[in-house]
């Protein structure tokens, strides 16, 4: 593995990221997440899940899980090289195609501007948003419950995403556009799920994965 070559590829792909809304009527929104049967082994078996939701009704339109061997090691800021191949297979396995894909991970809130959600969006040329559970890159002021604050780039000082605290006692969410979605729209879409008291699709995918993982491990 040549880290310098991977960094160079990330920087090249980051230049293709579009931070403009390049989608029409928002009807179907997908959430994607990935887990492993044994996180301590490498290679290990990975499970990728997509859950597609009707954005007008909240109804789940499709749930899909795919498994496969993952052999790229976990290295911070190179998550896509470990998880993206299986997510791409999961995408190809979908019966429905969504208007926007929300990925569990970072969008442009990444040291080289290409988190897994941006990588996914650029490779497939689809609109994408990253929703992460922890900070990877940037600086912010912690928001109050039911509020959000901007996430600023450490390099340029520009707004690259948002930090949301859904409610008191809830962990913060780190939202950033992936591809073909603007910074402001990435926030609006996630806030709309919270406003309607719907699960964000990545959380639905996470829950689906945990059920499947328990079934495979414990029967």
Protein backbone atom coordinates (compact mmCIF):
# COMPACT_ATOMS: atom_id res chain seq x y z
CA UNK A 1 0.00 0.00 0.00
CA UNK A 2 1.46 3.33 -1.08
CA UNK A 3 -0.09 6.01 1.15
CA UNK A 4 1.31 8.82 -0.97
CA UNK A 5 -0.36 7.35 -4.06
CA UNK A 6 -3.66 7.04 -2.20
CA UNK A 7 -3.43 10.63 -0.99
CA UNK A 8 -2.74 11.76 -4.54
CA UNK A 9 -5.79 9.84 -5.77
CA UNK A 10 -7.96 11.37 -3.04
CA UNK A 11 -6.85 14.88 -3.96
CA UNK A 12 -7.57 14.19 -7.63
CA UNK A 13 -11.06 12.86 -6.89
CA UNK A 14 -11.72 15.75 -4.47
CA UNK A 15 -11.32 18.16 -7.37
CA UNK A 16 -14.32 16.48 -9.02
CA UNK A 17 -16.64 17.05 -6.06
CA UNK A 18 -19.57 19.35 -6.90
CA UNK A 19 -21.04 21.37 -4.04
CA UNK A 20 -24.18 22.31 -5.95
CA UNK A 21 -27.64 20.74 -5.82
CA UNK A 22 -27.69 18.47 -8.85
CA UNK A 23 -30.87 16.52 -8.22
CA UNK A 24 -34.51 17.02 -9.05
CA UNK A 25 -37.59 16.20 -6.99
CA UNK A 26 -36.44 14.52 -3.82
CA UNK A 27 -38.51 11.35 -3.61
CA UNK A 28 -36.23 8.53 -2.44
CA UNK A 29 -33.40 8.92 0.08
CA UNK A 30 -31.05 6.04 0.83
CA UNK A 31 -28.95 5.42 3.89
CA UNK A 32 -25.88 3.19 3.79
CA UNK A 33 -23.71 1.70 6.52
CA UNK A 34 -21.18 -1.09 6.85
CA UNK A 35 -20.04 -3.37 9.67
CA UNK A 36 -17.84 -6.42 10.16
CA UNK A 37 -18.42 -9.83 11.70
CA UNK A 38 -15.03 -9.55 13.43
CA UNK A 39 -13.51 -6.06 13.56
CA UNK A 40 -10.22 -7.42 14.92
CA UNK A 41 -9.50 -9.70 11.96
CA UNK A 42 -8.14 -8.70 8.57
CA UNK A 43 -9.26 -10.01 6.14
CA UNK A 44 -12.73 -10.22 7.62
CA UNK A 45 -16.29 -10.55 6.39
CA UNK A 46 -18.09 -7.26 5.94
CA UNK A 47 -21.80 -6.52 5.74
CA UNK A 48 -23.09 -3.49 3.84
CA UNK A 49 -26.69 -2.33 4.15
CA UNK A 50 -28.81 0.14 2.22
CA UNK A 51 -32.22 1.32 3.39
CA UNK A 52 -34.24 3.45 0.96
CA UNK A 53 -36.95 5.71 2.37
CA UNK A 54 -39.77 7.59 0.67
CA UNK A 55 -38.98 11.20 1.59
CA UNK A 56 -42.63 12.24 1.31
CA UNK A 57 -44.11 9.55 3.57
CA UNK A 58 -41.24 8.10 5.60
CA UNK A 59 -42.12 4.61 4.35
CA UNK A 60 -39.25 2.16 3.86
CA UNK A 61 -39.16 1.26 0.17
CA UNK A 62 -36.26 -1.20 0.20
CA UNK A 63 -33.84 -2.89 2.57
CA UNK A 64 -30.81 -4.60 1.14
CA UNK A 65 -27.80 -6.34 2.70
CA UNK A 66 -24.76 -7.70 0.91
CA UNK A 67 -21.71 -9.46 2.36
CA UNK A 68 -18.15 -9.89 1.17
CA UNK A 69 -14.54 -10.16 2.24
CA UNK A 70 -12.80 -6.92 3.23
CA UNK A 71 -9.02 -7.02 3.32
CA UNK A 72 -7.88 -3.39 3.31
CA UNK A 73 -6.75 -2.39 6.84
CA UNK A 74 -8.38 0.37 8.83
CA UNK A 75 -6.29 3.53 8.43
CA UNK A 76 -7.68 6.92 9.53
CA UNK A 77 -8.59 9.21 6.57
CA UNK A 78 -8.50 6.21 4.18
CA UNK A 79 -11.78 4.60 5.28
CA UNK A 80 -13.19 4.51 1.74
CA UNK A 81 -10.48 2.11 0.59
CA UNK A 82 -11.63 -0.34 3.25
CA UNK A 83 -15.40 0.07 2.97
CA UNK A 84 -16.21 1.50 -0.45
CA UNK A 85 -15.81 -1.69 -2.57
CA UNK A 86 -18.55 -3.46 -0.61
CA UNK A 87 -20.77 -0.35 -0.63
CA UNK A 88 -20.43 -0.19 -4.43
CA UNK A 89 -21.53 -3.83 -4.66
CA UNK A 90 -24.48 -3.03 -2.43
CA UNK A 91 -25.41 -0.10 -4.65
CA UNK A 92 -25.40 -2.34 -7.73
CA UNK A 93 -27.63 -4.81 -5.89
CA UNK A 94 -30.40 -2.25 -5.25
CA UNK A 95 -33.71 -2.67 -7.05
CA UNK A 96 -34.48 1.04 -6.60
CA UNK A 97 -32.12 3.96 -7.13
CA UNK A 98 -32.36 6.88 -4.72
CA UNK A 99 -32.22 10.59 -5.47
CA UNK A 100 -29.69 11.14 -2.65
CA UNK A 101 -27.47 8.71 -0.73
CA UNK A 102 -26.63 9.42 2.90
CA UNK A 103 -23.50 7.54 3.92
CA UNK A 104 -22.37 6.79 7.48
CA UNK A 105 -19.13 8.76 7.39
CA UNK A 106 -17.66 12.04 6.26
CA UNK A 107 -18.33 14.00 3.09
CA UNK A 108 -15.95 16.88 2.42
CA UNK A 109 -15.15 17.20 6.16
CA UNK A 110 -11.90 15.36 5.56
CA UNK A 111 -8.26 16.53 5.50
CA UNK A 112 -8.13 16.08 1.72
CA UNK A 113 -11.79 16.92 1.08
CA UNK A 114 -12.79 13.36 0.20
CA UNK A 115 -14.44 11.37 2.95
CA UNK A 116 -16.23 8.14 2.10
CA UNK A 117 -19.51 9.92 1.21
CA UNK A 118 -17.72 12.16 -1.29
CA UNK A 119 -15.71 9.23 -2.65
CA UNK A 120 -18.93 7.23 -3.09
CA UNK A 121 -20.69 10.13 -4.80
CA UNK A 122 -17.87 10.94 -7.21
CA UNK A 123 -17.23 7.32 -8.22
CA UNK A 124 -20.92 6.66 -8.91
CA UNK A 125 -21.73 10.24 -9.98
CA UNK A 126 -24.69 10.41 -7.58
CA UNK A 127 -25.74 13.03 -5.01
CA UNK A 128 -24.45 12.10 -1.56
CA UNK A 129 -24.22 13.39 2.01
CA UNK A 130 -22.04 12.25 4.88
CA UNK A 131 -23.46 11.87 8.38
CA UNK A 132 -20.82 10.85 10.91
CA UNK A 133 -21.01 10.20 14.63
CA UNK A 134 -17.61 11.72 15.41
CA UNK A 135 -15.35 14.53 14.26
CA UNK A 136 -12.60 13.75 11.76
CA UNK A 137 -11.59 17.18 10.52
CA UNK A 138 -12.59 20.76 11.23
CA UNK A 139 -13.38 23.05 14.13
CA UNK A 140 -16.72 23.99 15.64
CA UNK A 141 -18.53 25.38 18.64
CA UNK A 142 -20.60 22.77 20.41
CA UNK A 143 -24.32 23.33 19.72
CA UNK A 144 -27.08 23.42 22.30
CA UNK A 145 -29.74 20.68 22.23
CA UNK A 146 -31.95 20.88 19.13
CA UNK A 147 -29.51 23.32 17.55
CA UNK A 148 -26.68 23.21 15.04
CA UNK A 149 -23.43 25.08 14.45
CA UNK A 150 -21.11 25.37 11.43
CA UNK A 151 -18.14 23.09 10.94
CA UNK A 152 -15.19 25.07 9.61
CA UNK A 153 -12.21 23.85 7.62
CA UNK A 154 -8.93 24.06 9.49
CA UNK A 155 -7.25 24.87 6.19
CA UNK A 156 -9.43 27.54 4.59
CA UNK A 157 -11.79 28.60 7.36
CA UNK A 158 -14.77 27.93 5.06
CA UNK A 159 -17.91 26.15 6.22
CA UNK A 160 -17.56 22.50 5.21
CA UNK A 161 -20.48 21.07 7.15
CA UNK A 162 -22.57 21.23 10.29
CA UNK A 163 -22.67 19.85 13.80
CA UNK A 164 -26.15 18.96 15.06
CA UNK A 165 -27.20 18.01 18.57
CA UNK A 166 -30.61 16.40 17.99
CA UNK A 167 -31.75 16.71 21.62
CA UNK A 168 -30.49 16.77 25.19
CA UNK A 169 -28.44 13.70 25.97
CA UNK A 170 -28.09 12.73 22.31
CA UNK A 171 -24.70 12.49 20.65
CA UNK A 172 -23.78 15.08 18.07
CA UNK A 173 -24.01 14.42 14.33
CA UNK A 174 -21.38 15.69 11.91
CA UNK A 175 -23.00 16.45 8.57
CA UNK A 176 -21.15 17.42 5.39
CA UNK A 177 -22.02 17.33 1.70
CA UNK A 178 -20.58 14.48 -0.31
CA UNK A 179 -21.17 15.24 -3.98
CA UNK A 180 -23.78 17.09 -6.05
CA UNK A 181 -25.31 18.53 -2.85
CA UNK A 182 -24.63 21.98 -1.42
CA UNK A 183 -23.42 22.62 2.10
CA UNK A 184 -26.75 24.21 3.11
CA UNK A 185 -28.91 21.53 1.51
CA UNK A 186 -27.03 18.75 3.26
CA UNK A 187 -28.10 20.34 6.54
CA UNK A 188 -31.69 20.93 5.44
CA UNK A 189 -32.24 17.31 4.44
CA UNK A 190 -30.91 15.88 7.70
CA UNK A 191 -32.85 18.44 9.76
CA UNK A 192 -36.02 17.52 7.88
CA UNK A 193 -35.70 13.90 9.02
CA UNK A 194 -35.22 15.09 12.59
CA UNK A 195 -38.11 17.56 12.36
CA UNK A 196 -40.45 14.81 11.20
CA UNK A 197 -39.13 12.53 13.97
CA UNK A 198 -38.03 9.99 11.38
CA UNK A 199 -34.89 7.93 11.75
CA UNK A 200 -32.09 9.17 9.52
CA UNK A 201 -31.66 6.43 6.88
CA UNK A 202 -28.08 5.68 7.96
CA UNK A 203 -29.43 4.80 11.41
CA UNK A 204 -31.98 2.49 9.80
CA UNK A 205 -29.15 0.82 7.86
CA UNK A 206 -27.11 0.53 11.06
CA UNK A 207 -29.98 -1.14 12.92
CA UNK A 208 -30.55 -3.53 10.03
CA UNK A 209 -26.87 -4.48 10.07
CA UNK A 210 -26.83 -5.10 13.80
CA UNK A 211 -29.80 -7.46 13.53
CA UNK A 212 -28.14 -9.34 10.68
CA UNK A 213 -24.79 -9.48 12.48
CA UNK A 214 -26.39 -10.93 15.62
CA UNK A 215 -28.26 -13.49 13.51
CA UNK A 216 -25.07 -14.64 11.80
CA UNK A 217 -23.01 -14.76 14.96
CA UNK A 218 -25.52 -16.18 17.42
CA UNK A 219 -28.30 -17.69 15.29
